[in-house]
Amino acid sequence: EVVRGISFRVCSGAVTAVVGESGSGKSVTAQAIMRILPKNGTITGGSIDFRPKSGEIVNMAALPANGPKVRSLRGSAVSMIFQEPMSSLSPVHSVGDQVEESLRIHALGAGMSRKALRAATEETLEMVGFPNPHRAYDMYPFEMSGGLRQRAMIAMALICRPSLLIADEPTTALDVT
């Protein structure tokens, strides 16, 4: 067992921190909530009760990890900022395309024009601190500092305005400001 007996509640509008030494299971817990455990990882008991904006309580642990319900919630209602932006960003797609993709594939972006999608993406890039969001939209990850790549990951997680945001060491590579 990697994680055993963990229990916590995150209330709407609250910030909850899970703190522990390296290897204590913090990242595995986040992956379990998102239902993105490695192939050899399984949830053997308990529940992950989640209430998206729609109001229904969903036990994420009881759903198939790649089933349609989990896929519809992951990224739109519950999102995650990963620890390592270089392994999470595609080197062959612009940052704007990658952030915008989250919006395009979820209901929030349904029916939006290409221009509106770009505007929403640039607004989110600005919100996370990109000095020139219009320029950043067309940049590739290798053209950015580690801090800007991490900001792109944060923008990707926030663009659909999720009910729950999980952050696995989100300040990795960010400067003090």
N, C-alpha and C. Protein backbone atom coordinates (compact mmCIF):
# COMPACT_ATOMS: atom_id res chain seq x y z
N GLU A 1 0.84 -1.19 0.00
CA GLU A 1 0.00 0.00 0.00
C GLU A 1 0.88 1.24 0.00
N VAL A 2 0.55 2.14 -0.91
CA VAL A 2 1.30 3.39 -1.00
C VAL A 2 0.69 4.43 -0.08
N VAL A 3 -0.63 4.50 -0.08
CA VAL A 3 -1.35 5.43 0.78
C VAL A 3 -2.44 4.64 1.50
N ARG A 4 -2.54 4.85 2.80
CA ARG A 4 -3.54 4.11 3.57
C ARG A 4 -4.19 5.06 4.58
N GLY A 5 -5.51 5.02 4.64
CA GLY A 5 -6.24 5.72 5.69
C GLY A 5 -6.25 7.23 5.59
N ILE A 6 -6.11 7.78 4.41
CA ILE A 6 -6.15 9.23 4.28
C ILE A 6 -7.59 9.70 4.18
N SER A 7 -7.88 10.80 4.82
CA SER A 7 -9.21 11.36 4.77
C SER A 7 -9.11 12.87 4.95
N PHE A 8 -9.73 13.61 4.06
CA PHE A 8 -9.82 15.05 4.22
C PHE A 8 -10.99 15.57 3.41
N ARG A 9 -11.40 16.78 3.72
CA ARG A 9 -12.51 17.42 3.04
C ARG A 9 -12.03 18.79 2.57
N VAL A 10 -12.37 19.12 1.33
CA VAL A 10 -12.05 20.43 0.79
C VAL A 10 -13.39 21.13 0.54
N CYS A 11 -13.65 22.17 1.31
CA CYS A 11 -14.90 22.90 1.16
C CYS A 11 -14.77 23.94 0.06
N SER A 12 -15.89 24.30 -0.51
CA SER A 12 -15.91 25.29 -1.58
C SER A 12 -15.24 26.58 -1.14
N GLY A 13 -14.33 27.08 -1.96
CA GLY A 13 -13.63 28.32 -1.66
C GLY A 13 -12.47 28.18 -0.70
N ALA A 14 -12.22 26.97 -0.22
CA ALA A 14 -11.16 26.74 0.77
C ALA A 14 -9.87 26.29 0.10
N VAL A 15 -8.80 26.50 0.80
CA VAL A 15 -7.49 25.99 0.39
C VAL A 15 -7.10 24.93 1.41
N THR A 16 -6.78 23.76 0.94
CA THR A 16 -6.36 22.67 1.81
C THR A 16 -4.99 22.21 1.36
N ALA A 17 -4.06 22.09 2.27
CA ALA A 17 -2.71 21.65 1.92
C ALA A 17 -2.46 20.27 2.52
N VAL A 18 -1.88 19.41 1.72
CA VAL A 18 -1.42 18.10 2.18
C VAL A 18 0.09 18.21 2.24
N VAL A 19 0.64 18.10 3.44
CA VAL A 19 2.07 18.31 3.64
C VAL A 19 2.67 17.01 4.16
N GLY A 20 3.83 16.67 3.64
CA GLY A 20 4.51 15.47 4.11
C GLY A 20 5.86 15.35 3.43
N GLU A 21 6.66 14.47 3.98
CA GLU A 21 8.00 14.30 3.41
C GLU A 21 7.93 13.63 2.05
N SER A 22 9.01 13.69 1.33
CA SER A 22 9.11 13.08 0.01
C SER A 22 8.82 11.59 0.12
N GLY A 23 7.97 11.08 -0.78
CA GLY A 23 7.63 9.67 -0.79
C GLY A 23 6.48 9.30 0.13
N SER A 24 5.83 10.29 0.73
CA SER A 24 4.75 9.99 1.68
C SER A 24 3.40 9.75 1.00
N GLY A 25 3.31 9.97 -0.31
CA GLY A 25 2.07 9.66 -1.02
C GLY A 25 1.24 10.86 -1.44
N LYS A 26 1.78 12.06 -1.32
CA LYS A 26 1.01 13.25 -1.68
C LYS A 26 0.64 13.24 -3.17
N SER A 27 1.61 13.00 -4.04
CA SER A 27 1.34 12.98 -5.48
C SER A 27 0.43 11.81 -5.86
N VAL A 28 0.60 10.67 -5.24
CA VAL A 28 -0.25 9.51 -5.52
C VAL A 28 -1.69 9.81 -5.11
N THR A 29 -1.86 10.51 -4.00
CA THR A 29 -3.21 10.90 -3.58
C THR A 29 -3.84 11.81 -4.62
N ALA A 30 -3.08 12.78 -5.12
CA ALA A 30 -3.60 13.69 -6.15
C ALA A 30 -3.95 12.90 -7.42
N GLN A 31 -3.10 11.97 -7.81
CA GLN A 31 -3.37 11.15 -8.99
C GLN A 31 -4.60 10.28 -8.80
N ALA A 32 -4.81 9.79 -7.59
CA ALA A 32 -6.00 8.98 -7.31
C ALA A 32 -7.27 9.82 -7.45
N ILE A 33 -7.24 11.03 -6.93
CA ILE A 33 -8.40 11.92 -7.05
C ILE A 33 -8.71 12.19 -8.51
N MET A 34 -7.68 12.44 -9.30
CA MET A 34 -7.85 12.72 -10.74
C MET A 34 -8.13 11.46 -11.55
N ARG A 35 -7.95 10.28 -10.93
CA ARG A 35 -8.11 8.98 -11.59
C ARG A 35 -7.09 8.80 -12.71
N ILE A 36 -5.85 9.20 -12.41
CA ILE A 36 -4.75 9.05 -13.38
C ILE A 36 -3.60 8.27 -12.77
N LEU A 37 -3.91 7.31 -11.94
CA LEU A 37 -2.86 6.47 -11.34
C LEU A 37 -2.13 5.69 -12.43
N PRO A 38 -0.86 5.35 -12.20
CA PRO A 38 -0.16 4.48 -13.15
C PRO A 38 -0.89 3.14 -13.27
N LYS A 39 -0.60 2.41 -14.33
CA LYS A 39 -1.29 1.14 -14.60
C LYS A 39 -1.24 0.17 -13.42
N ASN A 40 -0.13 0.17 -12.67
CA ASN A 40 -0.02 -0.76 -11.54
C ASN A 40 -0.64 -0.20 -10.26
N GLY A 41 -1.23 0.97 -10.32
CA GLY A 41 -1.87 1.56 -9.15
C GLY A 41 -3.38 1.38 -9.19
N THR A 42 -3.95 0.99 -8.06
CA THR A 42 -5.39 0.81 -7.97
C THR A 42 -5.91 1.38 -6.66
N ILE A 43 -7.15 1.77 -6.69
CA ILE A 43 -7.83 2.20 -5.47
C ILE A 43 -8.55 0.96 -4.95
N THR A 44 -8.18 0.53 -3.74
CA THR A 44 -8.72 -0.73 -3.23
C THR A 44 -9.83 -0.54 -2.21
N GLY A 45 -10.09 0.68 -1.80
CA GLY A 45 -11.14 0.91 -0.82
C GLY A 45 -11.42 2.39 -0.67
N GLY A 46 -12.50 2.68 0.03
CA GLY A 46 -12.84 4.07 0.30
C GLY A 46 -13.57 4.73 -0.85
N SER A 47 -13.68 6.03 -0.77
CA SER A 47 -14.38 6.78 -1.80
C SER A 47 -13.71 8.13 -2.01
N ILE A 48 -13.95 8.69 -3.16
CA ILE A 48 -13.51 10.04 -3.48
C ILE A 48 -14.77 10.78 -3.89
N ASP A 49 -15.45 11.34 -2.91
CA ASP A 49 -16.71 12.02 -3.16
C ASP A 49 -16.45 13.44 -3.64
N PHE A 50 -17.00 13.76 -4.78
CA PHE A 50 -16.76 15.05 -5.41
C PHE A 50 -18.10 15.64 -5.82
N ARG A 51 -18.27 16.92 -5.53
CA ARG A 51 -19.50 17.61 -5.92
C ARG A 51 -19.14 18.74 -6.87
N PRO A 52 -19.30 18.49 -8.19
CA PRO A 52 -19.05 19.56 -9.15
C PRO A 52 -20.13 20.63 -9.07
N LYS A 53 -20.01 21.67 -9.85
CA LYS A 53 -20.97 22.78 -9.82
C LYS A 53 -22.40 22.33 -10.07
N SER A 54 -22.57 21.20 -10.74
CA SER A 54 -23.92 20.70 -11.03
C SER A 54 -24.65 20.27 -9.76
N GLY A 55 -23.92 20.02 -8.67
CA GLY A 55 -24.53 19.72 -7.39
C GLY A 55 -24.61 18.25 -7.02
N GLU A 56 -24.55 17.35 -7.99
CA GLU A 56 -24.63 15.92 -7.69
C GLU A 56 -23.32 15.46 -7.06
N ILE A 57 -23.39 14.53 -6.12
CA ILE A 57 -22.18 13.97 -5.52
C ILE A 57 -21.79 12.75 -6.34
N VAL A 58 -20.53 12.73 -6.75
CA VAL A 58 -20.00 11.65 -7.58
C VAL A 58 -18.88 10.97 -6.82
N ASN A 59 -18.92 9.65 -6.70
CA ASN A 59 -17.82 8.90 -6.10
C ASN A 59 -16.84 8.56 -7.22
N MET A 60 -15.82 9.37 -7.36
CA MET A 60 -14.84 9.20 -8.43
C MET A 60 -14.15 7.84 -8.35
N ALA A 61 -13.96 7.32 -7.14
CA ALA A 61 -13.25 6.04 -6.97
C ALA A 61 -14.05 4.88 -7.54
N ALA A 62 -15.36 5.01 -7.61
CA ALA A 62 -16.21 3.92 -8.09
C ALA A 62 -16.37 3.93 -9.61
N LEU A 63 -15.90 4.98 -10.25
CA LEU A 63 -16.05 5.11 -11.70
C LEU A 63 -14.83 4.55 -12.43
N PRO A 64 -15.01 4.01 -13.63
CA PRO A 64 -13.85 3.58 -14.42
C PRO A 64 -12.95 4.78 -14.71
N ALA A 65 -11.65 4.60 -14.50
CA ALA A 65 -10.70 5.71 -14.64
C ALA A 65 -10.77 6.40 -15.98
N ASN A 66 -11.03 5.68 -17.05
CA ASN A 66 -11.11 6.31 -18.37
C ASN A 66 -12.52 6.29 -18.93
N GLY A 67 -13.49 6.15 -18.04
CA GLY A 67 -14.88 6.15 -18.46
C GLY A 67 -15.35 7.54 -18.83
N PRO A 68 -16.49 7.64 -19.50
CA PRO A 68 -16.98 8.93 -19.97
C PRO A 68 -17.28 9.93 -18.85
N LYS A 69 -17.77 9.46 -17.70
CA LYS A 69 -18.08 10.38 -16.60
C LYS A 69 -16.81 11.02 -16.05
N VAL A 70 -15.79 10.20 -15.81
CA VAL A 70 -14.53 10.74 -15.29
C VAL A 70 -13.90 11.68 -16.31
N ARG A 71 -13.91 11.29 -17.58
CA ARG A 71 -13.33 12.15 -18.63
C ARG A 71 -14.07 13.49 -18.72
N SER A 72 -15.39 13.47 -18.49
CA SER A 72 -16.15 14.72 -18.57
C SER A 72 -15.84 15.64 -17.39
N LEU A 73 -15.48 15.06 -16.25
CA LEU A 73 -15.17 15.85 -15.06
C LEU A 73 -13.71 16.30 -15.04
N ARG A 74 -12.81 15.43 -15.47
CA ARG A 74 -11.38 15.70 -15.42
C ARG A 74 -11.05 16.83 -16.40
N GLY A 75 -10.47 17.88 -15.88
CA GLY A 75 -10.08 19.01 -16.72
C GLY A 75 -11.11 20.12 -16.71
N SER A 76 -12.38 19.77 -16.54
CA SER A 76 -13.39 20.83 -16.51
C SER A 76 -13.85 21.11 -15.08
N ALA A 77 -14.25 20.09 -14.34
CA ALA A 77 -14.73 20.29 -12.97
C ALA A 77 -13.62 20.10 -11.94
N VAL A 78 -12.68 19.22 -12.23
CA VAL A 78 -11.52 19.01 -11.36
C VAL A 78 -10.29 19.02 -12.25
N SER A 79 -9.30 19.80 -11.85
CA SER A 79 -8.12 19.97 -12.69
C SER A 79 -6.87 19.91 -11.82
N MET A 80 -5.73 19.70 -12.47
CA MET A 80 -4.49 19.53 -11.71
C MET A 80 -3.34 20.28 -12.37
N ILE A 81 -2.55 20.91 -11.53
CA ILE A 81 -1.30 21.53 -11.96
C ILE A 81 -0.21 20.54 -11.61
N PHE A 82 0.49 20.06 -12.62
CA PHE A 82 1.52 19.06 -12.41
C PHE A 82 2.84 19.70 -12.00
N GLN A 83 3.68 18.90 -11.40
CA GLN A 83 4.94 19.37 -10.82
C GLN A 83 5.98 19.73 -11.88
N GLU A 84 6.03 19.01 -12.98
CA GLU A 84 7.11 19.19 -13.95
C GLU A 84 6.56 19.64 -15.31
N PRO A 85 6.65 20.94 -15.61
CA PRO A 85 6.06 21.44 -16.85
C PRO A 85 6.72 20.91 -18.12
N MET A 86 8.01 20.63 -18.10
CA MET A 86 8.66 20.19 -19.34
C MET A 86 8.18 18.81 -19.78
N SER A 87 7.83 17.95 -18.84
CA SER A 87 7.35 16.63 -19.23
C SER A 87 5.84 16.64 -19.47
N SER A 88 5.17 17.72 -19.12
CA SER A 88 3.72 17.80 -19.29
C SER A 88 3.31 18.59 -20.53
N LEU A 89 4.18 19.44 -21.03
CA LEU A 89 3.87 20.24 -22.22
C LEU A 89 4.44 19.57 -23.47
N SER A 90 3.68 19.64 -24.54
CA SER A 90 4.15 19.09 -25.81
C SER A 90 5.14 20.06 -26.45
N PRO A 91 6.28 19.57 -26.90
CA PRO A 91 7.26 20.46 -27.54
C PRO A 91 6.88 20.86 -28.96
N VAL A 92 5.90 20.17 -29.56
CA VAL A 92 5.56 20.44 -30.97
C VAL A 92 4.29 21.27 -31.15
N HIS A 93 3.68 21.70 -30.04
CA HIS A 93 2.49 22.54 -30.11
C HIS A 93 2.74 23.83 -29.35
N SER A 94 2.19 24.92 -29.84
CA SER A 94 2.37 26.19 -29.13
C SER A 94 1.68 26.12 -27.78
N VAL A 95 2.13 26.97 -26.87
CA VAL A 95 1.55 27.02 -25.54
C VAL A 95 0.08 27.41 -25.64
N GLY A 96 -0.24 28.36 -26.50
CA GLY A 96 -1.63 28.78 -26.66
C GLY A 96 -2.52 27.64 -27.11
N ASP A 97 -2.05 26.85 -28.08
CA ASP A 97 -2.84 25.70 -28.54
C ASP A 97 -3.08 24.71 -27.41
N GLN A 98 -2.07 24.49 -26.59
CA GLN A 98 -2.21 23.51 -25.50
C GLN A 98 -3.15 23.98 -24.40
N VAL A 99 -3.07 25.26 -24.06
CA VAL A 99 -3.97 25.80 -23.05
C VAL A 99 -5.39 25.84 -23.61
N GLU A 100 -5.52 26.28 -24.84
CA GLU A 100 -6.83 26.39 -25.50
C GLU A 100 -7.51 25.03 -25.68
N GLU A 101 -6.70 23.98 -25.88
CA GLU A 101 -7.25 22.64 -26.08
C GLU A 101 -8.15 22.22 -24.92
N SER A 102 -7.74 22.56 -23.71
CA SER A 102 -8.56 22.22 -22.54
C SER A 102 -9.94 22.84 -22.66
N LEU A 103 -9.99 24.05 -23.14
CA LEU A 103 -11.27 24.75 -23.31
C LEU A 103 -12.08 24.14 -24.46
N ARG A 104 -11.40 23.82 -25.56
CA ARG A 104 -12.08 23.27 -26.74
C ARG A 104 -12.73 21.92 -26.47
N ILE A 105 -12.09 21.07 -25.67
CA ILE A 105 -12.61 19.71 -25.49
C ILE A 105 -13.65 19.59 -24.39
N HIS A 106 -13.87 20.65 -23.63
CA HIS A 106 -14.87 20.61 -22.56
C HIS A 106 -16.04 21.52 -22.90
N ALA A 107 -17.13 21.28 -22.23
CA ALA A 107 -18.39 21.95 -22.52
C ALA A 107 -18.30 23.47 -22.48
N LEU A 108 -17.46 24.00 -21.62
CA LEU A 108 -17.35 25.45 -21.49
C LEU A 108 -16.99 26.11 -22.82
N GLY A 109 -16.19 25.43 -23.63
CA GLY A 109 -15.76 26.00 -24.90
C GLY A 109 -16.66 25.65 -26.08
N ALA A 110 -17.70 24.86 -25.85
CA ALA A 110 -18.59 24.42 -26.94
C ALA A 110 -19.23 25.63 -27.61
N GLY A 111 -19.14 25.65 -28.91
CA GLY A 111 -19.78 26.71 -29.68
C GLY A 111 -19.00 28.01 -29.75
N MET A 112 -17.86 28.08 -29.09
CA MET A 112 -17.07 29.32 -29.14
C MET A 112 -16.35 29.42 -30.48
N SER A 113 -16.28 30.61 -31.01
CA SER A 113 -15.55 30.82 -32.26
C SER A 113 -14.06 30.72 -31.99
N ARG A 114 -13.29 30.54 -33.04
CA ARG A 114 -11.82 30.47 -32.92
C ARG A 114 -11.29 31.74 -32.25
N LYS A 115 -11.86 32.88 -32.63
CA LYS A 115 -11.43 34.17 -32.08
C LYS A 115 -11.75 34.25 -30.57
N ALA A 116 -12.93 33.77 -30.19
CA ALA A 116 -13.33 33.80 -28.77
C ALA A 116 -12.48 32.84 -27.94
N LEU A 117 -12.15 31.68 -28.51
CA LEU A 117 -11.27 30.73 -27.81
C LEU A 117 -9.90 31.35 -27.56
N ARG A 118 -9.37 32.00 -28.58
CA ARG A 118 -8.05 32.63 -28.43
C ARG A 118 -8.12 33.74 -27.39
N ALA A 119 -9.17 34.54 -27.43
CA ALA A 119 -9.31 35.64 -26.46
C ALA A 119 -9.38 35.10 -25.04
N ALA A 120 -10.14 34.03 -24.83
CA ALA A 120 -10.25 33.42 -23.49
C ALA A 120 -8.91 32.86 -23.04
N THR A 121 -8.18 32.27 -23.98
CA THR A 121 -6.86 31.71 -23.67
C THR A 121 -5.88 32.82 -23.29
N GLU A 122 -5.86 33.88 -24.08
CA GLU A 122 -4.95 35.00 -23.78
C GLU A 122 -5.31 35.65 -22.45
N GLU A 123 -6.61 35.73 -22.14
CA GLU A 123 -7.05 36.29 -20.86
C GLU A 123 -6.53 35.43 -19.70
N THR A 124 -6.57 34.11 -19.87
CA THR A 124 -6.09 33.21 -18.82
C THR A 124 -4.57 33.30 -18.70
N LEU A 125 -3.87 33.41 -19.82
CA LEU A 125 -2.42 33.58 -19.78
C LEU A 125 -2.05 34.87 -19.04
N GLU A 126 -2.83 35.92 -19.27
CA GLU A 126 -2.59 37.19 -18.56
C GLU A 126 -2.86 37.03 -17.06
N MET A 127 -3.93 36.30 -16.74
CA MET A 127 -4.32 36.09 -15.35
C MET A 127 -3.22 35.41 -14.55
N VAL A 128 -2.45 34.50 -15.19
CA VAL A 128 -1.40 33.79 -14.46
C VAL A 128 -0.04 34.48 -14.55
N GLY A 129 -0.01 35.67 -15.13
CA GLY A 129 1.19 36.48 -15.07
C GLY A 129 2.08 36.51 -16.29
N PHE A 130 1.58 36.12 -17.46
CA PHE A 130 2.39 36.27 -18.67
C PHE A 130 2.47 37.75 -19.00
N PRO A 131 3.68 38.28 -19.22
CA PRO A 131 3.81 39.71 -19.50
C PRO A 131 3.20 40.11 -20.85
N ASN A 132 3.22 39.22 -21.84
CA ASN A 132 2.65 39.51 -23.15
C ASN A 132 1.86 38.28 -23.62
N PRO A 133 0.62 38.14 -23.18
CA PRO A 133 -0.17 36.94 -23.49
C PRO A 133 -0.37 36.70 -24.98
N HIS A 134 -0.50 37.78 -25.76
CA HIS A 134 -0.70 37.62 -27.21
C HIS A 134 0.52 36.94 -27.84
N ARG A 135 1.69 37.37 -27.46
CA ARG A 135 2.94 36.77 -27.97
C ARG A 135 3.13 35.35 -27.42
N ALA A 136 2.84 35.17 -26.14
CA ALA A 136 3.03 33.87 -25.49
C ALA A 136 2.16 32.80 -26.13
N TYR A 137 0.99 33.16 -26.61
CA TYR A 137 0.07 32.21 -27.23
C TYR A 137 0.77 31.43 -28.35
N ASP A 138 1.60 32.09 -29.13
CA ASP A 138 2.26 31.47 -30.28
C ASP A 138 3.64 30.90 -29.98
N MET A 139 4.08 30.99 -28.74
CA MET A 139 5.39 30.48 -28.38
C MET A 139 5.34 28.98 -28.08
N TYR A 140 6.48 28.33 -28.20
CA TYR A 140 6.62 26.92 -27.87
C TYR A 140 7.31 26.80 -26.52
N PRO A 141 7.07 25.71 -25.79
CA PRO A 141 7.65 25.58 -24.45
C PRO A 141 9.17 25.80 -24.40
N PHE A 142 9.90 25.33 -25.43
CA PHE A 142 11.36 25.48 -25.40
C PHE A 142 11.80 26.94 -25.51
N GLU A 143 10.90 27.81 -25.92
CA GLU A 143 11.21 29.24 -26.03
C GLU A 143 10.97 29.99 -24.72
N MET A 144 10.51 29.28 -23.71
CA MET A 144 10.14 29.92 -22.45
C MET A 144 11.02 29.47 -21.30
N SER A 145 11.12 30.32 -20.31
CA SER A 145 11.83 29.95 -19.08
C SER A 145 11.01 28.90 -18.33
N GLY A 146 11.64 28.27 -17.36
CA GLY A 146 10.92 27.28 -16.54
C GLY A 146 9.74 27.90 -15.83
N GLY A 147 9.88 29.13 -15.38
CA GLY A 147 8.79 29.81 -14.68
C GLY A 147 7.60 30.06 -15.59
N LEU A 148 7.86 30.48 -16.83
CA LEU A 148 6.75 30.71 -17.77
C LEU A 148 6.10 29.39 -18.18
N ARG A 149 6.89 28.33 -18.30
CA ARG A 149 6.30 27.02 -18.60
C ARG A 149 5.36 26.59 -17.47
N GLN A 150 5.79 26.84 -16.23
CA GLN A 150 4.93 26.49 -15.09
C GLN A 150 3.67 27.34 -15.10
N ARG A 151 3.78 28.60 -15.47
CA ARG A 151 2.59 29.46 -15.58
C ARG A 151 1.65 28.94 -16.67
N ALA A 152 2.21 28.40 -17.75
CA ALA A 152 1.38 27.82 -18.81
C ALA A 152 0.61 26.62 -18.26
N MET A 153 1.26 25.81 -17.44
CA MET A 153 0.58 24.66 -16.83
C MET A 153 -0.56 25.13 -15.90
N ILE A 154 -0.31 26.20 -15.17
CA ILE A 154 -1.34 26.75 -14.29
C ILE A 154 -2.51 27.27 -15.13
N ALA A 155 -2.20 27.96 -16.23
CA ALA A 155 -3.26 28.45 -17.13
C ALA A 155 -4.08 27.29 -17.69
N MET A 156 -3.41 26.22 -18.07
CA MET A 156 -4.09 25.05 -18.62
C MET A 156 -5.07 24.46 -17.59
N ALA A 157 -4.66 24.46 -16.33
CA ALA A 157 -5.51 23.91 -15.27
C ALA A 157 -6.68 24.84 -14.94
N LEU A 158 -6.50 26.14 -15.12
CA LEU A 158 -7.51 27.10 -14.71
C LEU A 158 -8.51 27.50 -15.81
N ILE A 159 -8.18 27.26 -17.06
CA ILE A 159 -8.97 27.83 -18.15
C ILE A 159 -10.45 27.42 -18.13
N CYS A 160 -10.76 26.25 -17.65
CA CYS A 160 -12.17 25.80 -17.59
C CYS A 160 -12.82 26.15 -16.26
N ARG A 161 -12.12 26.91 -15.42
CA ARG A 161 -12.64 27.34 -14.12
C ARG A 161 -13.18 26.16 -13.31
N PRO A 162 -12.29 25.20 -12.97
CA PRO A 162 -12.75 23.99 -12.26
C PRO A 162 -13.26 24.28 -10.85
N SER A 163 -14.11 23.39 -10.37
CA SER A 163 -14.60 23.48 -8.99
C SER A 163 -13.49 23.11 -8.01
N LEU A 164 -12.62 22.18 -8.41
CA LEU A 164 -11.52 21.72 -7.57
C LEU A 164 -10.24 21.79 -8.37
N LEU A 165 -9.24 22.46 -7.81
CA LEU A 165 -7.93 22.57 -8.43
C LEU A 165 -6.92 21.88 -7.52
N ILE A 166 -6.26 20.86 -8.05
CA ILE A 166 -5.23 20.14 -7.30
C ILE A 166 -3.88 20.63 -7.80
N ALA A 167 -3.01 21.01 -6.89
CA ALA A 167 -1.71 21.54 -7.27
C ALA A 167 -0.61 20.69 -6.65
N ASP A 168 0.17 20.03 -7.48
CA ASP A 168 1.28 19.21 -7.02
C ASP A 168 2.56 20.03 -7.16
N GLU A 169 2.96 20.68 -6.09
CA GLU A 169 4.11 21.58 -6.07
C GLU A 169 4.02 22.60 -7.20
N PRO A 170 2.98 23.43 -7.21
CA PRO A 170 2.72 24.34 -8.32
C PRO A 170 3.71 25.47 -8.47
N THR A 171 4.51 25.73 -7.45
CA THR A 171 5.45 26.85 -7.55
C THR A 171 6.81 26.41 -8.06
N THR A 172 6.94 25.16 -8.49
CA THR A 172 8.18 24.67 -9.07
C THR A 172 8.58 25.60 -10.20
N ALA A 173 9.80 26.08 -10.21
CA ALA A 173 10.39 26.90 -11.27
C ALA A 173 9.88 28.34 -11.28
N LEU A 174 8.98 28.74 -10.38
CA LEU A 174 8.51 30.11 -10.36
C LEU A 174 9.45 30.95 -9.51
N ASP A 175 9.58 32.22 -9.91
CA ASP A 175 10.39 33.11 -9.10
C ASP A 175 9.56 33.59 -7.90
N VAL A 176 10.18 34.33 -7.02
CA VAL A 176 9.55 34.73 -5.77
C VAL A 176 8.26 35.51 -6.01
N THR A 177 8.25 36.41 -7.01
CA THR A 177 7.05 37.23 -7.25
C THR A 177 5.94 36.38 -7.84
